[in-house]
Amino acid sequence: MRLAWLVVLVACSKSPPEDTSPPAVLSPDELKRADDACKTYVDKICACAATVPDKKQDCELAKAMPEGIEVAKRLALNPKAEPEDSLQAASSVRKTVKQCIEKTARLPAEGCP
């Protein structure tokens, strides 16, 4: 009898593994943050490029980031897209936003206000 209780106790004590994968759907708040984060980066790096000549190329490259996010958002939210394609597009949006945030944070150390 004790063995049965021990088996039940052990079985119940194990919690299911935590899902660490990112959510598949891009929420309206996440989409807004994505737009804001990359617009902020583009504005700041291009303003910096006006005074720091080495940042001109960074400014030109940054201008493509919001467009890339827009294309990926459309695919991620397209109900006719394959689920795998939607997941990859959502992941692409999140990776690009991460880059925008990280690059914005590094600007002061690179001589940009």
PDB file of N, CA and C in Angstrom:
ATOM      1  N   MET A   1       0.828  -1.181   0.000  1.00  0.00           N
ATOM      2  CA  MET A   1       0.000   0.000   0.000  1.00  0.00           C
ATOM      3  C   MET A   1       0.879   1.255   0.000  1.00  0.00           C
ATOM      4  N   ARG A   2       1.929   1.229   0.822  1.00  0.00           N
ATOM      5  CA  ARG A   2       2.811   2.392   0.868  1.00  0.00           C
ATOM      6  C   ARG A   2       3.507   2.607  -0.472  1.00  0.00           C
ATOM      7  N   LEU A   3       3.842   1.532  -1.126  1.00  0.00           N
ATOM      8  CA  LEU A   3       4.483   1.634  -2.431  1.00  0.00           C
ATOM      9  C   LEU A   3       3.550   2.311  -3.439  1.00  0.00           C
ATOM     10  N   ALA A   4       2.278   1.985  -3.375  1.00  0.00           N
ATOM     11  CA  ALA A   4       1.307   2.597  -4.282  1.00  0.00           C
ATOM     12  C   ALA A   4       1.228   4.103  -4.023  1.00  0.00           C
ATOM     13  N   TRP A   5       1.194   4.500  -2.768  1.00  0.00           N
ATOM     14  CA  TRP A   5       1.150   5.932  -2.430  1.00  0.00           C
ATOM     15  C   TRP A   5       2.428   6.644  -2.872  1.00  0.00           C
ATOM     16  N   LEU A   6       3.531   5.967  -2.713  1.00  0.00           N
ATOM     17  CA  LEU A   6       4.803   6.544  -3.129  1.00  0.00           C
ATOM     18  C   LEU A   6       4.834   6.764  -4.638  1.00  0.00           C
ATOM     19  N   VAL A   7       4.327   5.811  -5.391  1.00  0.00           N
ATOM     20  CA  VAL A   7       4.273   5.940  -6.847  1.00  0.00           C
ATOM     21  C   VAL A   7       3.366   7.104  -7.245  1.00  0.00           C
ATOM     22  N   VAL A   8       2.208   7.196  -6.600  1.00  0.00           N
ATOM     23  CA  VAL A   8       1.265   8.289  -6.883  1.00  0.00           C
ATOM     24  C   VAL A   8       1.891   9.629  -6.520  1.00  0.00           C
ATOM     25  N   LEU A   9       2.536   9.694  -5.382  1.00  0.00           N
ATOM     26  CA  LEU A   9       3.165  10.934  -4.933  1.00  0.00           C
ATOM     27  C   LEU A   9       4.259  11.380  -5.896  1.00  0.00           C
ATOM     28  N   VAL A  10       5.094  10.478  -6.324  1.00  0.00           N
ATOM     29  CA  VAL A  10       6.168  10.801  -7.259  1.00  0.00           C
ATOM     30  C   VAL A  10       5.593  11.226  -8.600  1.00  0.00           C
ATOM     31  N   ALA A  11       4.586  10.527  -9.076  1.00  0.00           N
ATOM     32  CA  ALA A  11       3.974  10.855 -10.365  1.00  0.00           C
ATOM     33  C   ALA A  11       3.328  12.236 -10.331  1.00  0.00           C
ATOM     34  N   CYS A  12       2.707  12.577  -9.230  1.00  0.00           N
ATOM     35  CA  CYS A  12       2.030  13.875  -9.117  1.00  0.00           C
ATOM     36  C   CYS A  12       3.000  15.016  -8.845  1.00  0.00           C
ATOM     37  N   SER A  13       4.153  14.703  -8.289  1.00  0.00           N
ATOM     38  CA  SER A  13       5.082  15.772  -7.923  1.00  0.00           C
ATOM     39  C   SER A  13       5.858  16.307  -9.112  1.00  0.00           C
ATOM     40  N   LYS A  14       5.919  15.562 -10.197  1.00  0.00           N
ATOM     41  CA  LYS A  14       6.651  16.019 -11.375  1.00  0.00           C
ATOM     42  C   LYS A  14       5.804  17.033 -12.133  1.00  0.00           C
ATOM     43  N   SER A  15       6.373  18.177 -12.346  1.00  0.00           N
ATOM     44  CA  SER A  15       5.649  19.175 -13.127  1.00  0.00           C
ATOM     45  C   SER A  15       6.017  18.999 -14.600  1.00  0.00           C
ATOM     46  N   PRO A  16       5.086  19.326 -15.476  1.00  0.00           N
ATOM     47  CA  PRO A  16       5.392  19.194 -16.898  1.00  0.00           C
ATOM     48  C   PRO A  16       6.502  20.163 -17.288  1.00  0.00           C
ATOM     49  N   PRO A  17       7.287  19.815 -18.290  1.00  0.00           N
ATOM     50  CA  PRO A  17       8.354  20.724 -18.702  1.00  0.00           C
ATOM     51  C   PRO A  17       7.770  22.054 -19.173  1.00  0.00           C
ATOM     52  N   GLU A  18       8.446  23.105 -18.821  1.00  0.00           N
ATOM     53  CA  GLU A  18       7.980  24.438 -19.171  1.00  0.00           C
ATOM     54  C   GLU A  18       8.267  24.721 -20.639  1.00  0.00           C
ATOM     55  N   ASP A  19       7.278  25.239 -21.327  1.00  0.00           N
ATOM     56  CA  ASP A  19       7.436  25.565 -22.744  1.00  0.00           C
ATOM     57  C   ASP A  19       8.169  26.898 -22.854  1.00  0.00           C
ATOM     58  N   THR A  20       9.363  26.857 -23.399  1.00  0.00           N
ATOM     59  CA  THR A  20      10.156  28.079 -23.523  1.00  0.00           C
ATOM     60  C   THR A  20      10.127  28.647 -24.931  1.00  0.00           C
ATOM     61  N   SER A  21       9.345  28.040 -25.815  1.00  0.00           N
ATOM     62  CA  SER A  21       9.269  28.571 -27.173  1.00  0.00           C
ATOM     63  C   SER A  21       8.456  29.854 -27.176  1.00  0.00           C
ATOM     64  N   PRO A  22       8.796  30.802 -28.061  1.00  0.00           N
ATOM     65  CA  PRO A  22       8.069  32.058 -28.098  1.00  0.00           C
ATOM     66  C   PRO A  22       6.648  31.846 -28.605  1.00  0.00           C
ATOM     67  N   PRO A  23       5.737  32.721 -28.206  1.00  0.00           N
ATOM     68  CA  PRO A  23       4.375  32.583 -28.694  1.00  0.00           C
ATOM     69  C   PRO A  23       4.337  32.753 -30.209  1.00  0.00           C
ATOM     70  N   ALA A  24       3.452  32.009 -30.842  1.00  0.00           N
ATOM     71  CA  ALA A  24       3.388  32.014 -32.304  1.00  0.00           C
ATOM     72  C   ALA A  24       2.744  33.281 -32.847  1.00  0.00           C
ATOM     73  N   VAL A  25       1.762  33.794 -32.157  1.00  0.00           N
ATOM     74  CA  VAL A  25       0.996  34.921 -32.660  1.00  0.00           C
ATOM     75  C   VAL A  25       1.623  36.229 -32.198  1.00  0.00           C
ATOM     76  N   LEU A  26       1.656  37.173 -33.097  1.00  0.00           N
ATOM     77  CA  LEU A  26       2.145  38.507 -32.749  1.00  0.00           C
ATOM     78  C   LEU A  26       0.948  39.332 -32.281  1.00  0.00           C
ATOM     79  N   SER A  27       0.981  39.761 -31.037  1.00  0.00           N
ATOM     80  CA  SER A  27      -0.127  40.541 -30.492  1.00  0.00           C
ATOM     81  C   SER A  27      -0.062  41.973 -31.020  1.00  0.00           C
ATOM     82  N   PRO A  28      -1.181  42.685 -30.978  1.00  0.00           N
ATOM     83  CA  PRO A  28      -1.162  44.086 -31.405  1.00  0.00           C
ATOM     84  C   PRO A  28      -0.138  44.922 -30.626  1.00  0.00           C
ATOM     85  N   ASP A  29       0.000  44.654 -29.322  1.00  0.00           N
ATOM     86  CA  ASP A  29       0.989  45.383 -28.517  1.00  0.00           C
ATOM     87  C   ASP A  29       2.408  45.076 -28.983  1.00  0.00           C
ATOM     88  N   GLU A  30       2.661  43.811 -29.290  1.00  0.00           N
ATOM     89  CA  GLU A  30       3.986  43.420 -29.757  1.00  0.00           C
ATOM     90  C   GLU A  30       4.290  44.058 -31.113  1.00  0.00           C
ATOM     91  N   LEU A  31       3.291  44.136 -31.963  1.00  0.00           N
ATOM     92  CA  LEU A  31       3.473  44.763 -33.275  1.00  0.00           C
ATOM     93  C   LEU A  31       3.780  46.252 -33.124  1.00  0.00           C
ATOM     94  N   LYS A  32       3.092  46.905 -32.206  1.00  0.00           N
ATOM     95  CA  LYS A  32       3.329  48.334 -31.963  1.00  0.00           C
ATOM     96  C   LYS A  32       4.734  48.550 -31.416  1.00  0.00           C
ATOM     97  N   ARG A  33       5.144  47.714 -30.469  1.00  0.00           N
ATOM     98  CA  ARG A  33       6.499  47.828 -29.912  1.00  0.00           C
ATOM     99  C   ARG A  33       7.545  47.599 -30.990  1.00  0.00           C
ATOM    100  N   ALA A  34       7.267  46.669 -31.888  1.00  0.00           N
ATOM    101  CA  ALA A  34       8.210  46.382 -32.977  1.00  0.00           C
ATOM    102  C   ALA A  34       8.398  47.618 -33.840  1.00  0.00           C
ATOM    103  N   ASP A  35       7.288  48.217 -34.234  1.00  0.00           N
ATOM    104  CA  ASP A  35       7.363  49.422 -35.065  1.00  0.00           C
ATOM    105  C   ASP A  35       8.095  50.547 -34.334  1.00  0.00           C
ATOM    106  N   ASP A  36       7.725  50.757 -33.072  1.00  0.00           N
ATOM    107  CA  ASP A  36       8.322  51.842 -32.288  1.00  0.00           C
ATOM    108  C   ASP A  36       9.821  51.632 -32.069  1.00  0.00           C
ATOM    109  N   ALA A  37      10.208  50.403 -31.744  1.00  0.00           N
ATOM    110  CA  ALA A  37      11.620  50.124 -31.450  1.00  0.00           C
ATOM    111  C   ALA A  37      12.498  50.390 -32.661  1.00  0.00           C
ATOM    112  N   CYS A  38      12.076  49.936 -33.816  1.00  0.00           N
ATOM    113  CA  CYS A  38      12.929  50.105 -34.992  1.00  0.00           C
ATOM    114  C   CYS A  38      12.854  51.522 -35.554  1.00  0.00           C
ATOM    115  N   LYS A  39      11.717  52.170 -35.416  1.00  0.00           N
ATOM    116  CA  LYS A  39      11.629  53.574 -35.839  1.00  0.00           C
ATOM    117  C   LYS A  39      12.561  54.426 -34.968  1.00  0.00           C
ATOM    118  N   THR A  40      12.573  54.140 -33.684  1.00  0.00           N
ATOM    119  CA  THR A  40      13.457  54.871 -32.777  1.00  0.00           C
ATOM    120  C   THR A  40      14.914  54.669 -33.167  1.00  0.00           C
ATOM    121  N   TYR A  41      15.286  53.440 -33.463  1.00  0.00           N
ATOM    122  CA  TYR A  41      16.672  53.177 -33.860  1.00  0.00           C
ATOM    123  C   TYR A  41      17.025  53.924 -35.138  1.00  0.00           C
ATOM    124  N   VAL A  42      16.168  53.850 -36.127  1.00  0.00           N
ATOM    125  CA  VAL A  42      16.438  54.530 -37.403  1.00  0.00           C
ATOM    126  C   VAL A  42      16.582  56.033 -37.171  1.00  0.00           C
ATOM    127  N   ASP A  43      15.666  56.611 -36.412  1.00  0.00           N
ATOM    128  CA  ASP A  43      15.735  58.053 -36.137  1.00  0.00           C
ATOM    129  C   ASP A  43      17.035  58.425 -35.445  1.00  0.00           C
ATOM    130  N   LYS A  44      17.427  57.647 -34.436  1.00  0.00           N
ATOM    131  CA  LYS A  44      18.627  57.984 -33.661  1.00  0.00           C
ATOM    132  C   LYS A  44      19.914  57.763 -34.453  1.00  0.00           C
ATOM    133  N   ILE A  45      20.010  56.654 -35.165  1.00  0.00           N
ATOM    134  CA  ILE A  45      21.258  56.395 -35.898  1.00  0.00           C
ATOM    135  C   ILE A  45      21.399  57.380 -37.050  1.00  0.00           C
ATOM    136  N   CYS A  46      20.311  57.756 -37.677  1.00  0.00           N
ATOM    137  CA  CYS A  46      20.403  58.712 -38.787  1.00  0.00           C
ATOM    138  C   CYS A  46      20.685  60.132 -38.280  1.00  0.00           C
ATOM    139  N   ALA A  47      20.164  60.476 -37.111  1.00  0.00           N
ATOM    140  CA  ALA A  47      20.508  61.763 -36.509  1.00  0.00           C
ATOM    141  C   ALA A  47      21.988  61.785 -36.144  1.00  0.00           C
ATOM    142  N   CYS A  48      22.481  60.674 -35.650  1.00  0.00           N
ATOM    143  CA  CYS A  48      23.893  60.563 -35.304  1.00  0.00           C
ATOM    144  C   CYS A  48      24.760  60.657 -36.557  1.00  0.00           C
ATOM    145  N   ALA A  49      24.302  60.064 -37.641  1.00  0.00           N
ATOM    146  CA  ALA A  49      25.070  60.070 -38.891  1.00  0.00           C
ATOM    147  C   ALA A  49      25.289  61.490 -39.411  1.00  0.00           C
ATOM    148  N   ALA A  50      24.432  62.393 -39.014  1.00  0.00           N
ATOM    149  CA  ALA A  50      24.593  63.782 -39.434  1.00  0.00           C
ATOM    150  C   ALA A  50      25.824  64.425 -38.793  1.00  0.00           C
ATOM    151  N   THR A  51      26.239  63.912 -37.642  1.00  0.00           N
ATOM    152  CA  THR A  51      27.397  64.481 -36.951  1.00  0.00           C
ATOM    153  C   THR A  51      28.587  63.526 -36.883  1.00  0.00           C
ATOM    154  N   VAL A  52      28.339  62.233 -37.038  1.00  0.00           N
ATOM    155  CA  VAL A  52      29.401  61.229 -36.995  1.00  0.00           C
ATOM    156  C   VAL A  52      29.435  60.525 -38.361  1.00  0.00           C
ATOM    157  N   PRO A  53      30.359  60.943 -39.228  1.00  0.00           N
ATOM    158  CA  PRO A  53      30.384  60.400 -40.595  1.00  0.00           C
ATOM    159  C   PRO A  53      30.473  58.877 -40.673  1.00  0.00           C
ATOM    160  N   ASP A  54      31.115  58.240 -39.699  1.00  0.00           N
ATOM    161  CA  ASP A  54      31.231  56.776 -39.713  1.00  0.00           C
ATOM    162  C   ASP A  54      29.879  56.072 -39.599  1.00  0.00           C
ATOM    163  N   LYS A  55      28.849  56.771 -39.189  1.00  0.00           N
ATOM    164  CA  LYS A  55      27.531  56.158 -38.961  1.00  0.00           C
ATOM    165  C   LYS A  55      26.605  56.278 -40.171  1.00  0.00           C
ATOM    166  N   LYS A  56      27.079  56.874 -41.261  1.00  0.00           N
ATOM    167  CA  LYS A  56      26.213  57.043 -42.436  1.00  0.00           C
ATOM    168  C   LYS A  56      25.777  55.700 -43.012  1.00  0.00           C
ATOM    169  N   GLN A  57      26.696  54.755 -43.109  1.00  0.00           N
ATOM    170  CA  GLN A  57      26.329  53.445 -43.643  1.00  0.00           C
ATOM    171  C   GLN A  57      25.353  52.736 -42.698  1.00  0.00           C
ATOM    172  N   ASP A  58      25.567  52.882 -41.392  1.00  0.00           N
ATOM    173  CA  ASP A  58      24.647  52.283 -40.423  1.00  0.00           C
ATOM    174  C   ASP A  58      23.240  52.856 -40.588  1.00  0.00           C
ATOM    175  N   CYS A  59      23.172  54.138 -40.869  1.00  0.00           N
ATOM    176  CA  CYS A  59      21.883  54.784 -41.092  1.00  0.00           C
ATOM    177  C   CYS A  59      21.192  54.180 -42.315  1.00  0.00           C
ATOM    178  N   GLU A  60      21.921  54.037 -43.396  1.00  0.00           N
ATOM    179  CA  GLU A  60      21.332  53.479 -44.619  1.00  0.00           C
ATOM    180  C   GLU A  60      20.854  52.049 -44.395  1.00  0.00           C
ATOM    181  N   LEU A  61      21.650  51.248 -43.703  1.00  0.00           N
ATOM    182  CA  LEU A  61      21.259  49.862 -43.427  1.00  0.00           C
ATOM    183  C   LEU A  61      20.046  49.797 -42.494  1.00  0.00           C
ATOM    184  N   ALA A  62      19.998  50.693 -41.537  1.00  0.00           N
ATOM    185  CA  ALA A  62      18.898  50.701 -40.563  1.00  0.00           C
ATOM    186  C   ALA A  62      17.557  50.988 -41.229  1.00  0.00           C
ATOM    187  N   LYS A  63      17.572  51.745 -42.294  1.00  0.00           N
ATOM    188  CA  LYS A  63      16.319  52.108 -42.958  1.00  0.00           C
ATOM    189  C   LYS A  63      15.586  50.895 -43.518  1.00  0.00           C
ATOM    190  N   ALA A  64      16.279  49.801 -43.745  1.00  0.00           N
ATOM    191  CA  ALA A  64      15.639  48.587 -44.261  1.00  0.00           C
ATOM    192  C   ALA A  64      14.963  47.772 -43.155  1.00  0.00           C
ATOM    193  N   MET A  65      15.312  48.019 -41.912  1.00  0.00           N
ATOM    194  CA  MET A  65      14.782  47.203 -40.817  1.00  0.00           C
ATOM    195  C   MET A  65      13.258  47.325 -40.671  1.00  0.00           C
ATOM    196  N   PRO A  66      12.686  48.528 -40.644  1.00  0.00           N
ATOM    197  CA  PRO A  66      11.221  48.612 -40.541  1.00  0.00           C
ATOM    198  C   PRO A  66      10.505  47.938 -41.713  1.00  0.00           C
ATOM    199  N   GLU A  67      11.079  48.032 -42.897  1.00  0.00           N
ATOM    200  CA  GLU A  67      10.470  47.378 -44.059  1.00  0.00           C
ATOM    201  C   GLU A  67      10.523  45.855 -43.901  1.00  0.00           C
ATOM    202  N   GLY A  68      11.630  45.352 -43.407  1.00  0.00           N
ATOM    203  CA  GLY A  68      11.754  43.916 -43.162  1.00  0.00           C
ATOM    204  C   GLY A  68      10.746  43.430 -42.138  1.00  0.00           C
ATOM    205  N   ILE A  69      10.541  44.226 -41.117  1.00  0.00           N
ATOM    206  CA  ILE A  69       9.544  43.882 -40.095  1.00  0.00           C
ATOM    207  C   ILE A  69       8.155  43.855 -40.721  1.00  0.00           C
ATOM    208  N   GLU A  70       7.865  44.827 -41.551  1.00  0.00           N
ATOM    209  CA  GLU A  70       6.546  44.904 -42.176  1.00  0.00           C
ATOM    210  C   GLU A  70       6.267  43.676 -43.043  1.00  0.00           C
ATOM    211  N   VAL A  71       7.229  43.274 -43.832  1.00  0.00           N
ATOM    212  CA  VAL A  71       7.057  42.093 -44.689  1.00  0.00           C
ATOM    213  C   VAL A  71       6.842  40.846 -43.834  1.00  0.00           C
ATOM    214  N   ALA A  72       7.651  40.682 -42.806  1.00  0.00           N
ATOM    215  CA  ALA A  72       7.526  39.517 -41.928  1.00  0.00           C
ATOM    216  C   ALA A  72       6.195  39.536 -41.173  1.00  0.00           C
ATOM    217  N   LYS A  73       5.741  40.709 -40.753  1.00  0.00           N
ATOM    218  CA  LYS A  73       4.450  40.816 -40.065  1.00  0.00           C
ATOM    219  C   LYS A  73       3.321  40.348 -40.973  1.00  0.00           C
ATOM    220  N   ARG A  74       3.355  40.786 -42.225  1.00  0.00           N
ATOM    221  CA  ARG A  74       2.293  40.395 -43.152  1.00  0.00           C
ATOM    222  C   ARG A  74       2.242  38.878 -43.323  1.00  0.00           C
ATOM    223  N   LEU A  75       3.396  38.258 -43.420  1.00  0.00           N
ATOM    224  CA  LEU A  75       3.423  36.797 -43.566  1.00  0.00           C
ATOM    225  C   LEU A  75       2.975  36.127 -42.275  1.00  0.00           C
ATOM    226  N   ALA A  76       3.459  36.598 -41.146  1.00  0.00           N
ATOM    227  CA  ALA A  76       3.113  35.990 -39.863  1.00  0.00           C
ATOM    228  C   ALA A  76       1.611  36.058 -39.593  1.00  0.00           C
ATOM    229  N   LEU A  77       0.969  37.108 -40.039  1.00  0.00           N
ATOM    230  CA  LEU A  77      -0.452  37.308 -39.757  1.00  0.00           C
ATOM    231  C   LEU A  77      -1.364  36.830 -40.888  1.00  0.00           C
ATOM    232  N   ASN A  78      -0.797  36.327 -41.960  1.00  0.00           N
ATOM    233  CA  ASN A  78      -1.594  35.883 -43.096  1.00  0.00           C
ATOM    234  C   ASN A  78      -2.252  34.545 -42.771  1.00  0.00           C
ATOM    235  N   PRO A  79      -3.593  34.507 -42.748  1.00  0.00           N
ATOM    236  CA  PRO A  79      -4.269  33.259 -42.408  1.00  0.00           C
ATOM    237  C   PRO A  79      -4.053  32.156 -43.454  1.00  0.00           C
ATOM    238  N   LYS A  80      -3.642  32.518 -44.648  1.00  0.00           N
ATOM    239  CA  LYS A  80      -3.418  31.518 -45.692  1.00  0.00           C
ATOM    240  C   LYS A  80      -1.990  30.963 -45.683  1.00  0.00           C
ATOM    241  N   ALA A  81      -1.135  31.537 -44.857  1.00  0.00           N
ATOM    242  CA  ALA A  81       0.260  31.085 -44.793  1.00  0.00           C
ATOM    243  C   ALA A  81       0.344  29.738 -44.079  1.00  0.00           C
ATOM    244  N   GLU A  82       1.333  28.973 -44.455  1.00  0.00           N
ATOM    245  CA  GLU A  82       1.598  27.710 -43.764  1.00  0.00           C
ATOM    246  C   GLU A  82       1.999  28.022 -42.322  1.00  0.00           C
ATOM    247  N   PRO A  83       1.592  27.196 -41.364  1.00  0.00           N
ATOM    248  CA  PRO A  83       1.933  27.458 -39.959  1.00  0.00           C
ATOM    249  C   PRO A  83       3.431  27.628 -39.723  1.00  0.00           C
ATOM    250  N   GLU A  84       4.238  26.800 -40.359  1.00  0.00           N
ATOM    251  CA  GLU A  84       5.692  26.901 -40.179  1.00  0.00           C
ATOM    252  C   GLU A  84       6.214  28.246 -40.695  1.00  0.00           C
ATOM    253  N   ASP A  85       5.673  28.704 -41.818  1.00  0.00           N
ATOM    254  CA  ASP A  85       6.083  29.991 -42.376  1.00  0.00           C
ATOM    255  C   ASP A  85       5.687  31.138 -41.446  1.00  0.00           C
ATOM    256  N   SER A  86       4.488  31.039 -40.880  1.00  0.00           N
ATOM    257  CA  SER A  86       4.031  32.068 -39.942  1.00  0.00           C
ATOM    258  C   SER A  86       4.919  32.130 -38.712  1.00  0.00           C
ATOM    259  N   LEU A  87       5.291  30.960 -38.197  1.00  0.00           N
ATOM    260  CA  LEU A  87       6.172  30.913 -37.023  1.00  0.00           C
ATOM    261  C   LEU A  87       7.536  31.510 -37.334  1.00  0.00           C
ATOM    262  N   GLN A  88       8.079  31.179 -38.489  1.00  0.00           N
ATOM    263  CA  GLN A  88       9.385  31.717 -38.874  1.00  0.00           C
ATOM    264  C   GLN A  88       9.313  33.226 -39.080  1.00  0.00           C
ATOM    265  N   ALA A  89       8.227  33.705 -39.657  1.00  0.00           N
ATOM    266  CA  ALA A  89       8.078  35.143 -39.871  1.00  0.00           C
ATOM    267  C   ALA A  89       7.950  35.872 -38.533  1.00  0.00           C
ATOM    268  N   ALA A  90       7.180  35.320 -37.608  1.00  0.00           N
ATOM    269  CA  ALA A  90       7.049  35.927 -36.280  1.00  0.00           C
ATOM    270  C   ALA A  90       8.403  35.952 -35.574  1.00  0.00           C
ATOM    271  N   SER A  91       9.153  34.879 -35.713  1.00  0.00           N
ATOM    272  CA  SER A  91      10.493  34.823 -35.129  1.00  0.00           C
ATOM    273  C   SER A  91      11.395  35.884 -35.753  1.00  0.00           C
ATOM    274  N   SER A  92      11.268  36.085 -37.034  1.00  0.00           N
ATOM    275  CA  SER A  92      12.063  37.101 -37.723  1.00  0.00           C
ATOM    276  C   SER A  92      11.741  38.502 -37.197  1.00  0.00           C
ATOM    277  N   VAL A  93      10.462  38.764 -36.981  1.00  0.00           N
ATOM    278  CA  VAL A  93      10.065  40.059 -36.416  1.00  0.00           C
ATOM    279  C   VAL A  93      10.730  40.247 -35.063  1.00  0.00           C
ATOM    280  N   ARG A  94      10.649  39.242 -34.223  1.00  0.00           N
ATOM    281  CA  ARG A  94      11.211  39.342 -32.868  1.00  0.00           C
ATOM    282  C   ARG A  94      12.733  39.518 -32.889  1.00  0.00           C
ATOM    283  N   LYS A  95      13.409  38.821 -33.792  1.00  0.00           N
ATOM    284  CA  LYS A  95      14.864  38.957 -33.884  1.00  0.00           C
ATOM    285  C   LYS A  95      15.258  40.352 -34.364  1.00  0.00           C
ATOM    286  N   THR A  96      14.523  40.877 -35.314  1.00  0.00           N
ATOM    287  CA  THR A  96      14.830  42.217 -35.824  1.00  0.00           C
ATOM    288  C   THR A  96      14.583  43.264 -34.750  1.00  0.00           C
ATOM    289  N   VAL A  97      13.507  43.129 -34.013  1.00  0.00           N
ATOM    290  CA  VAL A  97      13.212  44.068 -32.924  1.00  0.00           C
ATOM    291  C   VAL A  97      14.306  44.000 -31.872  1.00  0.00           C
ATOM    292  N   LYS A  98      14.756  42.806 -31.563  1.00  0.00           N
ATOM    293  CA  LYS A  98      15.847  42.648 -30.594  1.00  0.00           C
ATOM    294  C   LYS A  98      17.088  43.403 -31.071  1.00  0.00           C
ATOM    295  N   GLN A  99      17.400  43.277 -32.359  1.00  0.00           N
ATOM    296  CA  GLN A  99      18.546  44.005 -32.905  1.00  0.00           C
ATOM    297  C   GLN A  99      18.350  45.509 -32.780  1.00  0.00           C
ATOM    298  N   CYS A 100      17.158  45.985 -33.085  1.00  0.00           N
ATOM    299  CA  CYS A 100      16.885  47.423 -32.992  1.00  0.00           C
ATOM    300  C   CYS A 100      17.100  47.919 -31.562  1.00  0.00           C
ATOM    301  N   ILE A 101      16.584  47.187 -30.608  1.00  0.00           N
ATOM    302  CA  ILE A 101      16.714  47.593 -29.205  1.00  0.00           C
ATOM    303  C   ILE A 101      18.172  47.571 -28.770  1.00  0.00           C
ATOM    304  N   GLU A 102      18.878  46.503 -29.105  1.00  0.00           N
ATOM    305  CA  GLU A 102      20.284  46.395 -28.709  1.00  0.00           C
ATOM    306  C   GLU A 102      21.146  47.459 -29.379  1.00  0.00           C
ATOM    307  N   LYS A 103      20.906  47.726 -30.643  1.00  0.00           N
ATOM    308  CA  LYS A 103      21.689  48.741 -31.345  1.00  0.00           C
ATOM    309  C   LYS A 103      21.394  50.131 -30.810  1.00  0.00           C
ATOM    310  N   THR A 104      20.154  50.388 -30.449  1.00  0.00           N
ATOM    311  CA  THR A 104      19.797  51.675 -29.849  1.00  0.00           C
ATOM    312  C   THR A 104      20.528  51.845 -28.517  1.00  0.00           C
ATOM    313  N   ALA A 105      20.585  50.791 -27.741  1.00  0.00           N
ATOM    314  CA  ALA A 105      21.243  50.851 -26.438  1.00  0.00           C
ATOM    315  C   ALA A 105      22.739  51.094 -26.556  1.00  0.00           C
ATOM    316  N   ARG A 106      23.355  50.631 -27.647  1.00  0.00           N
ATOM    317  CA  ARG A 106      24.804  50.803 -27.839  1.00  0.00           C
ATOM    318  C   ARG A 106      25.185  52.181 -28.402  1.00  0.00           C
ATOM    319  N   LEU A 107      24.229  52.930 -28.884  1.00  0.00           N
ATOM    320  CA  LEU A 107      24.549  54.206 -29.527  1.00  0.00           C
ATOM    321  C   LEU A 107      25.342  55.168 -28.646  1.00  0.00           C
ATOM    322  N   PRO A 108      24.981  55.375 -27.380  1.00  0.00           N
ATOM    323  CA  PRO A 108      25.758  56.318 -26.565  1.00  0.00           C
ATOM    324  C   PRO A 108      27.243  55.917 -26.466  1.00  0.00           C
ATOM    325  N   ALA A 109      27.516  54.644 -26.361  1.00  0.00           N
ATOM    326  CA  ALA A 109      28.909  54.182 -26.267  1.00  0.00           C
ATOM    327  C   ALA A 109      29.655  54.384 -27.584  1.00  0.00           C
ATOM    328  N   GLU A 110      28.913  54.533 -28.670  1.00  0.00           N
ATOM    329  CA  GLU A 110      29.511  54.726 -29.979  1.00  0.00           C
ATOM    330  C   GLU A 110      29.590  56.211 -30.373  1.00  0.00           C
ATOM    331  N   GLY A 111      29.336  57.078 -29.406  1.00  0.00           N
ATOM    332  CA  GLY A 111      29.453  58.514 -29.653  1.00  0.00           C
ATOM    333  C   GLY A 111      28.190  59.177 -30.166  1.00  0.00           C
ATOM    334  N   CYS A 112      27.078  58.485 -30.078  1.00  0.00           N
ATOM    335  CA  CYS A 112      25.806  59.055 -30.530  1.00  0.00           C
ATOM    336  C   CYS A 112      24.960  59.438 -29.312  1.00  0.00           C
ATOM    337  N   PRO A 113      24.342  60.608 -29.371  1.00  0.00           N
ATOM    338  CA  PRO A 113      23.502  61.022 -28.239  1.00  0.00           C
ATOM    339  C   PRO A 113      22.226  60.203 -28.106  1.00  0.00           C
TER     340      PRO A 113
END
